[in-house]
Amino acid sequence: MALSYKARRRLSLLILLVGLPLYIVVAVTIMGFFEDPPFLLELLIYVVLGIVWALPFKAVFKGVGKADPDKPQPPQ
């Protein structure tokens, strides 16, 4: 089922305001279990985690920043 533009905008806002901070807390908590990893390894893990969180939501975020395609265009 395809989401409407308005639903995708609302869902993306919810993901960014609620889901992303929760994901950050989980990622930092997981990293806390490791005993002082080398800096480059820690940086690599954070970069990978920073990219991985957005992959499942790619379809939700796609085109949200553009104008509403469902809205009728005014006559010119």
PDB file of N, CA and C in Angstrom:
ATOM      1  N   MET A   1       0.843  -1.177   0.000  1.00  0.00           N
ATOM      2  CA  MET A   1       0.000   0.000   0.000  1.00  0.00           C
ATOM      3  C   MET A   1       0.887   1.239   0.000  1.00  0.00           C
ATOM      4  N   ALA A   2       0.682   2.104  -0.954  1.00  0.00           N
ATOM      5  CA  ALA A   2       1.475   3.320  -1.068  1.00  0.00           C
ATOM      6  C   ALA A   2       0.926   4.393  -0.130  1.00  0.00           C
ATOM      7  N   LEU A   3       1.832   5.081   0.524  1.00  0.00           N
ATOM      8  CA  LEU A   3       1.431   6.168   1.413  1.00  0.00           C
ATOM      9  C   LEU A   3       1.254   7.448   0.623  1.00  0.00           C
ATOM     10  N   SER A   4       0.315   8.256   1.054  1.00  0.00           N
ATOM     11  CA  SER A   4       0.130   9.548   0.408  1.00  0.00           C
ATOM     12  C   SER A   4       1.287  10.470   0.796  1.00  0.00           C
ATOM     13  N   TYR A   5       1.402  11.563   0.078  1.00  0.00           N
ATOM     14  CA  TYR A   5       2.475  12.525   0.346  1.00  0.00           C
ATOM     15  C   TYR A   5       2.366  13.067   1.766  1.00  0.00           C
ATOM     16  N   LYS A   6       1.148  13.391   2.172  1.00  0.00           N
ATOM     17  CA  LYS A   6       0.917  13.955   3.505  1.00  0.00           C
ATOM     18  C   LYS A   6       1.275  12.935   4.595  1.00  0.00           C
ATOM     19  N   ALA A   7       0.914  11.683   4.377  1.00  0.00           N
ATOM     20  CA  ALA A   7       1.237  10.628   5.346  1.00  0.00           C
ATOM     21  C   ALA A   7       2.744  10.406   5.429  1.00  0.00           C
ATOM     22  N   ARG A   8       3.428  10.434   4.275  1.00  0.00           N
ATOM     23  CA  ARG A   8       4.887  10.272   4.286  1.00  0.00           C
ATOM     24  C   ARG A   8       5.560  11.423   5.016  1.00  0.00           C
ATOM     25  N   ARG A   9       5.051  12.646   4.843  1.00  0.00           N
ATOM     26  CA  ARG A   9       5.634  13.794   5.559  1.00  0.00           C
ATOM     27  C   ARG A   9       5.475  13.646   7.056  1.00  0.00           C
ATOM     28  N   ARG A  10       4.285  13.246   7.485  1.00  0.00           N
ATOM     29  CA  ARG A  10       4.042  13.073   8.923  1.00  0.00           C
ATOM     30  C   ARG A  10       4.880  11.935   9.491  1.00  0.00           C
ATOM     31  N   LEU A  11       4.946  10.833   8.761  1.00  0.00           N
ATOM     32  CA  LEU A  11       5.731   9.696   9.226  1.00  0.00           C
ATOM     33  C   LEU A  11       7.219  10.037   9.274  1.00  0.00           C
ATOM     34  N   SER A  12       7.717  10.760   8.304  1.00  0.00           N
ATOM     35  CA  SER A  12       9.131  11.142   8.319  1.00  0.00           C
ATOM     36  C   SER A  12       9.435  12.079   9.482  1.00  0.00           C
ATOM     37  N   LEU A  13       8.513  12.969   9.792  1.00  0.00           N
ATOM     38  CA  LEU A  13       8.699  13.855  10.939  1.00  0.00           C
ATOM     39  C   LEU A  13       8.717  13.057  12.236  1.00  0.00           C
ATOM     40  N   LEU A  14       7.828  12.094  12.363  1.00  0.00           N
ATOM     41  CA  LEU A  14       7.790  11.242  13.552  1.00  0.00           C
ATOM     42  C   LEU A  14       9.089  10.440  13.674  1.00  0.00           C
ATOM     43  N   ILE A  15       9.557   9.908  12.565  1.00  0.00           N
ATOM     44  CA  ILE A  15      10.804   9.136  12.583  1.00  0.00           C
ATOM     45  C   ILE A  15      11.970  10.014  13.020  1.00  0.00           C
ATOM     46  N   LEU A  16      12.041  11.232  12.495  1.00  0.00           N
ATOM     47  CA  LEU A  16      13.165  12.108  12.827  1.00  0.00           C
ATOM     48  C   LEU A  16      13.103  12.654  14.255  1.00  0.00           C
ATOM     49  N   LEU A  17      11.907  12.936  14.757  1.00  0.00           N
ATOM     50  CA  LEU A  17      11.787  13.528  16.087  1.00  0.00           C
ATOM     51  C   LEU A  17      11.760  12.501  17.215  1.00  0.00           C
ATOM     52  N   VAL A  18      11.276  11.308  16.954  1.00  0.00           N
ATOM     53  CA  VAL A  18      11.173  10.295  18.004  1.00  0.00           C
ATOM     54  C   VAL A  18      12.132   9.132  17.743  1.00  0.00           C
ATOM     55  N   GLY A  19      12.082   8.578  16.552  1.00  0.00           N
ATOM     56  CA  GLY A  19      12.872   7.387  16.252  1.00  0.00           C
ATOM     57  C   GLY A  19      14.372   7.613  16.236  1.00  0.00           C
ATOM     58  N   LEU A  20      14.811   8.699  15.639  1.00  0.00           N
ATOM     59  CA  LEU A  20      16.253   8.953  15.546  1.00  0.00           C
ATOM     60  C   LEU A  20      16.898   9.170  16.918  1.00  0.00           C
ATOM     61  N   PRO A  21      16.315   9.989  17.811  1.00  0.00           N
ATOM     62  CA  PRO A  21      16.924  10.096  19.153  1.00  0.00           C
ATOM     63  C   PRO A  21      16.958   8.764  19.901  1.00  0.00           C
ATOM     64  N   LEU A  22      15.914   7.953  19.759  1.00  0.00           N
ATOM     65  CA  LEU A  22      15.928   6.638  20.395  1.00  0.00           C
ATOM     66  C   LEU A  22      17.025   5.760  19.808  1.00  0.00           C
ATOM     67  N   TYR A  23      17.203   5.819  18.504  1.00  0.00           N
ATOM     68  CA  TYR A  23      18.252   5.043  17.844  1.00  0.00           C
ATOM     69  C   TYR A  23      19.634   5.499  18.329  1.00  0.00           C
ATOM     70  N   ILE A  24      19.810   6.790  18.510  1.00  0.00           N
ATOM     71  CA  ILE A  24      21.097   7.309  18.988  1.00  0.00           C
ATOM     72  C   ILE A  24      21.389   6.789  20.390  1.00  0.00           C
ATOM     73  N   VAL A  25      20.379   6.801  21.253  1.00  0.00           N
ATOM     74  CA  VAL A  25      20.557   6.293  22.617  1.00  0.00           C
ATOM     75  C   VAL A  25      20.933   4.810  22.589  1.00  0.00           C
ATOM     76  N   VAL A  26      20.267   4.033  21.751  1.00  0.00           N
ATOM     77  CA  VAL A  26      20.574   2.606  21.643  1.00  0.00           C
ATOM     78  C   VAL A  26      21.994   2.405  21.111  1.00  0.00           C
ATOM     79  N   ALA A  27      22.393   3.168  20.095  1.00  0.00           N
ATOM     80  CA  ALA A  27      23.731   3.018  19.524  1.00  0.00           C
ATOM     81  C   ALA A  27      24.812   3.368  20.545  1.00  0.00           C
ATOM     82  N   VAL A  28      24.618   4.438  21.293  1.00  0.00           N
ATOM     83  CA  VAL A  28      25.607   4.831  22.302  1.00  0.00           C
ATOM     84  C   VAL A  28      25.648   3.808  23.438  1.00  0.00           C
ATOM     85  N   THR A  29      24.479   3.273  23.807  1.00  0.00           N
ATOM     86  CA  THR A  29      24.438   2.249  24.848  1.00  0.00           C
ATOM     87  C   THR A  29      25.177   0.991  24.409  1.00  0.00           C
ATOM     88  N   ILE A  30      24.971   0.575  23.176  1.00  0.00           N
ATOM     89  CA  ILE A  30      25.682  -0.597  22.652  1.00  0.00           C
ATOM     90  C   ILE A  30      27.182  -0.348  22.641  1.00  0.00           C
ATOM     91  N   MET A  31      27.595   0.836  22.248  1.00  0.00           N
ATOM     92  CA  MET A  31      29.027   1.151  22.223  1.00  0.00           C
ATOM     93  C   MET A  31      29.608   1.199  23.631  1.00  0.00           C
ATOM     94  N   GLY A  32      28.776   1.460  24.625  1.00  0.00           N
ATOM     95  CA  GLY A  32      29.245   1.487  26.003  1.00  0.00           C
ATOM     96  C   GLY A  32      29.651   0.124  26.531  1.00  0.00           C
ATOM     97  N   PHE A  33      29.177  -0.940  25.911  1.00  0.00           N
ATOM     98  CA  PHE A  33      29.525  -2.287  26.345  1.00  0.00           C
ATOM     99  C   PHE A  33      30.948  -2.664  25.960  1.00  0.00           C
ATOM    100  N   PHE A  34      31.517  -2.013  24.972  1.00  0.00           N
ATOM    101  CA  PHE A  34      32.879  -2.315  24.538  1.00  0.00           C
ATOM    102  C   PHE A  34      33.866  -1.581  25.425  1.00  0.00           C
ATOM    103  N   GLU A  35      34.952  -2.262  25.741  1.00  0.00           N
ATOM    104  CA  GLU A  35      35.984  -1.674  26.584  1.00  0.00           C
ATOM    105  C   GLU A  35      36.950  -0.848  25.751  1.00  0.00           C
ATOM    106  N   ASP A  36      36.730   0.430  25.679  1.00  0.00           N
ATOM    107  CA  ASP A  36      37.634   1.381  25.037  1.00  0.00           C
ATOM    108  C   ASP A  36      38.190   0.891  23.699  1.00  0.00           C
ATOM    109  N   PRO A  37      37.330   0.825  22.665  1.00  0.00           N
ATOM    110  CA  PRO A  37      37.834   0.374  21.353  1.00  0.00           C
ATOM    111  C   PRO A  37      38.748   1.447  20.750  1.00  0.00           C
ATOM    112  N   PRO A  38      39.600   1.062  19.817  1.00  0.00           N
ATOM    113  CA  PRO A  38      40.447   2.055  19.139  1.00  0.00           C
ATOM    114  C   PRO A  38      39.580   3.123  18.457  1.00  0.00           C
ATOM    115  N   PHE A  39      40.118   4.306  18.376  1.00  0.00           N
ATOM    116  CA  PHE A  39      39.348   5.444  17.858  1.00  0.00           C
ATOM    117  C   PHE A  39      38.803   5.192  16.460  1.00  0.00           C
ATOM    118  N   LEU A  40      39.630   4.685  15.565  1.00  0.00           N
ATOM    119  CA  LEU A  40      39.182   4.470  14.188  1.00  0.00           C
ATOM    120  C   LEU A  40      38.085   3.407  14.098  1.00  0.00           C
ATOM    121  N   LEU A  41      38.171   2.365  14.921  1.00  0.00           N
ATOM    122  CA  LEU A  41      37.122   1.348  14.945  1.00  0.00           C
ATOM    123  C   LEU A  41      35.816   1.946  15.469  1.00  0.00           C
ATOM    124  N   GLU A  42      35.910   2.732  16.512  1.00  0.00           N
ATOM    125  CA  GLU A  42      34.728   3.385  17.075  1.00  0.00           C
ATOM    126  C   GLU A  42      34.107   4.343  16.051  1.00  0.00           C
ATOM    127  N   LEU A  43      34.928   5.097  15.362  1.00  0.00           N
ATOM    128  CA  LEU A  43      34.445   6.007  14.331  1.00  0.00           C
ATOM    129  C   LEU A  43      33.768   5.241  13.205  1.00  0.00           C
ATOM    130  N   LEU A  44      34.371   4.146  12.780  1.00  0.00           N
ATOM    131  CA  LEU A  44      33.789   3.318  11.726  1.00  0.00           C
ATOM    132  C   LEU A  44      32.428   2.764  12.147  1.00  0.00           C
ATOM    133  N   ILE A  45      32.319   2.294  13.374  1.00  0.00           N
ATOM    134  CA  ILE A  45      31.042   1.760  13.863  1.00  0.00           C
ATOM    135  C   ILE A  45      29.975   2.842  13.880  1.00  0.00           C
ATOM    136  N   TYR A  46      30.322   4.038  14.362  1.00  0.00           N
ATOM    137  CA  TYR A  46      29.341   5.135  14.393  1.00  0.00           C
ATOM    138  C   TYR A  46      28.923   5.561  12.980  1.00  0.00           C
ATOM    139  N   VAL A  47      29.852   5.571  12.045  1.00  0.00           N
ATOM    140  CA  VAL A  47      29.522   5.936  10.663  1.00  0.00           C
ATOM    141  C   VAL A  47      28.579   4.902  10.056  1.00  0.00           C
ATOM    142  N   VAL A  48      28.887   3.623  10.264  1.00  0.00           N
ATOM    143  CA  VAL A  48      28.022   2.559   9.741  1.00  0.00           C
ATOM    144  C   VAL A  48      26.638   2.642  10.376  1.00  0.00           C
ATOM    145  N   LEU A  49      26.570   2.808  11.689  1.00  0.00           N
ATOM    146  CA  LEU A  49      25.272   2.930  12.361  1.00  0.00           C
ATOM    147  C   LEU A  49      24.520   4.177  11.902  1.00  0.00           C
ATOM    148  N   GLY A  50      25.244   5.224  11.580  1.00  0.00           N
ATOM    149  CA  GLY A  50      24.616   6.453  11.102  1.00  0.00           C
ATOM    150  C   GLY A  50      23.999   6.308   9.721  1.00  0.00           C
ATOM    151  N   ILE A  51      24.524   5.418   8.935  1.00  0.00           N
ATOM    152  CA  ILE A  51      23.965   5.185   7.600  1.00  0.00           C
ATOM    153  C   ILE A  51      22.876   4.125   7.641  1.00  0.00           C
ATOM    154  N   VAL A  52      23.084   3.088   8.433  1.00  0.00           N
ATOM    155  CA  VAL A  52      22.183   1.942   8.460  1.00  0.00           C
ATOM    156  C   VAL A  52      20.779   2.310   8.939  1.00  0.00           C
ATOM    157  N   TRP A  53      20.656   3.269   9.853  1.00  0.00           N
ATOM    158  CA  TRP A  53      19.326   3.578  10.396  1.00  0.00           C
ATOM    159  C   TRP A  53      18.380   4.105   9.324  1.00  0.00           C
ATOM    160  N   ALA A  54      18.902   4.774   8.319  1.00  0.00           N
ATOM    161  CA  ALA A  54      18.043   5.411   7.315  1.00  0.00           C
ATOM    162  C   ALA A  54      17.638   4.466   6.181  1.00  0.00           C
ATOM    163  N   LEU A  55      18.338   3.380   5.986  1.00  0.00           N
ATOM    164  CA  LEU A  55      18.045   2.489   4.861  1.00  0.00           C
ATOM    165  C   LEU A  55      16.614   1.939   4.866  1.00  0.00           C
ATOM    166  N   PRO A  56      16.076   1.494   6.003  1.00  0.00           N
ATOM    167  CA  PRO A  56      14.698   0.990   5.959  1.00  0.00           C
ATOM    168  C   PRO A  56      13.660   2.073   5.662  1.00  0.00           C
ATOM    169  N   PHE A  57      14.007   3.320   5.892  1.00  0.00           N
ATOM    170  CA  PHE A  57      13.058   4.421   5.724  1.00  0.00           C
ATOM    171  C   PHE A  57      13.261   5.186   4.419  1.00  0.00           C
ATOM    172  N   LYS A  58      14.043   4.645   3.519  1.00  0.00           N
ATOM    173  CA  LYS A  58      14.347   5.331   2.268  1.00  0.00           C
ATOM    174  C   LYS A  58      13.082   5.687   1.493  1.00  0.00           C
ATOM    175  N   ALA A  59      12.129   4.771   1.442  1.00  0.00           N
ATOM    176  CA  ALA A  59      10.883   5.017   0.705  1.00  0.00           C
ATOM    177  C   ALA A  59      10.046   6.106   1.371  1.00  0.00           C
ATOM    178  N   VAL A  60      10.130   6.211   2.684  1.00  0.00           N
ATOM    179  CA  VAL A  60       9.359   7.236   3.401  1.00  0.00           C
ATOM    180  C   VAL A  60       9.936   8.622   3.132  1.00  0.00           C
ATOM    181  N   PHE A  61      11.256   8.735   3.158  1.00  0.00           N
ATOM    182  CA  PHE A  61      11.892  10.041   3.010  1.00  0.00           C
ATOM    183  C   PHE A  61      11.968  10.523   1.560  1.00  0.00           C
ATOM    184  N   LYS A  62      11.813   9.627   0.614  1.00  0.00           N
ATOM    185  CA  LYS A  62      11.996   9.972  -0.799  1.00  0.00           C
ATOM    186  C   LYS A  62      10.932  10.976  -1.255  1.00  0.00           C
ATOM    187  N   GLY A  63      11.363  12.147  -1.707  1.00  0.00           N
ATOM    188  CA  GLY A  63      10.477  13.156  -2.261  1.00  0.00           C
ATOM    189  C   GLY A  63       9.736  13.997  -1.251  1.00  0.00           C
ATOM    190  N   VAL A  64      10.018  13.842   0.038  1.00  0.00           N
ATOM    191  CA  VAL A  64       9.289  14.601   1.058  1.00  0.00           C
ATOM    192  C   VAL A  64       9.640  16.083   1.004  1.00  0.00           C
ATOM    193  N   GLY A  65      10.829  16.429   0.612  1.00  0.00           N
ATOM    194  CA  GLY A  65      11.241  17.821   0.572  1.00  0.00           C
ATOM    195  C   GLY A  65      10.739  18.589  -0.642  1.00  0.00           C
ATOM    196  N   LYS A  66      10.110  17.904  -1.558  1.00  0.00           N
ATOM    197  CA  LYS A  66       9.607  18.552  -2.768  1.00  0.00           C
ATOM    198  C   LYS A  66       8.169  19.017  -2.563  1.00  0.00           C
ATOM    199  N   ALA A  67       7.651  19.733  -3.534  1.00  0.00           N
ATOM    200  CA  ALA A  67       6.268  20.209  -3.462  1.00  0.00           C
ATOM    201  C   ALA A  67       5.309  19.023  -3.526  1.00  0.00           C
ATOM    202  N   ASP A  68       4.125  19.209  -2.966  1.00  0.00           N
ATOM    203  CA  ASP A  68       3.109  18.158  -2.926  1.00  0.00           C
ATOM    204  C   ASP A  68       2.652  17.819  -4.338  1.00  0.00           C
ATOM    205  N   PRO A  69       2.904  16.594  -4.805  1.00  0.00           N
ATOM    206  CA  PRO A  69       2.490  16.238  -6.165  1.00  0.00           C
ATOM    207  C   PRO A  69       0.976  16.038  -6.280  1.00  0.00           C
ATOM    208  N   ASP A  70       0.292  15.831  -5.162  1.00  0.00           N
ATOM    209  CA  ASP A  70      -1.160  15.614  -5.178  1.00  0.00           C
ATOM    210  C   ASP A  70      -1.938  16.929  -5.223  1.00  0.00           C
ATOM    211  N   LYS A  71      -1.276  18.017  -4.882  1.00  0.00           N
ATOM    212  CA  LYS A  71      -1.938  19.307  -4.843  1.00  0.00           C
ATOM    213  C   LYS A  71      -2.137  19.836  -6.266  1.00  0.00           C
ATOM    214  N   PRO A  72      -3.356  20.283  -6.588  1.00  0.00           N
ATOM    215  CA  PRO A  72      -3.565  20.814  -7.947  1.00  0.00           C
ATOM    216  C   PRO A  72      -2.757  22.097  -8.161  1.00  0.00           C
ATOM    217  N   GLN A  73      -2.191  22.205  -9.342  1.00  0.00           N
ATOM    218  CA  GLN A  73      -1.394  23.384  -9.693  1.00  0.00           C
ATOM    219  C   GLN A  73      -2.324  24.522 -10.103  1.00  0.00           C
ATOM    220  N   PRO A  74      -2.030  25.762  -9.661  1.00  0.00           N
ATOM    221  CA  PRO A  74      -2.866  26.897 -10.079  1.00  0.00           C
ATOM    222  C   PRO A  74      -2.675  27.185 -11.572  1.00  0.00           C
ATOM    223  N   PRO A  75      -3.730  27.621 -12.238  1.00  0.00           N
ATOM    224  CA  PRO A  75      -3.610  27.923 -13.660  1.00  0.00           C
ATOM    225  C   PRO A  75      -2.672  29.120 -13.878  1.00  0.00           C
ATOM    226  N   GLN A  76      -1.927  29.050 -14.964  1.00  0.00           N
ATOM    227  CA  GLN A  76      -0.965  30.131 -15.234  1.00  0.00           C
ATOM    228  C   GLN A  76      -1.446  31.012 -16.360  1.00  0.00           C
TER     229      GLN A  76
END
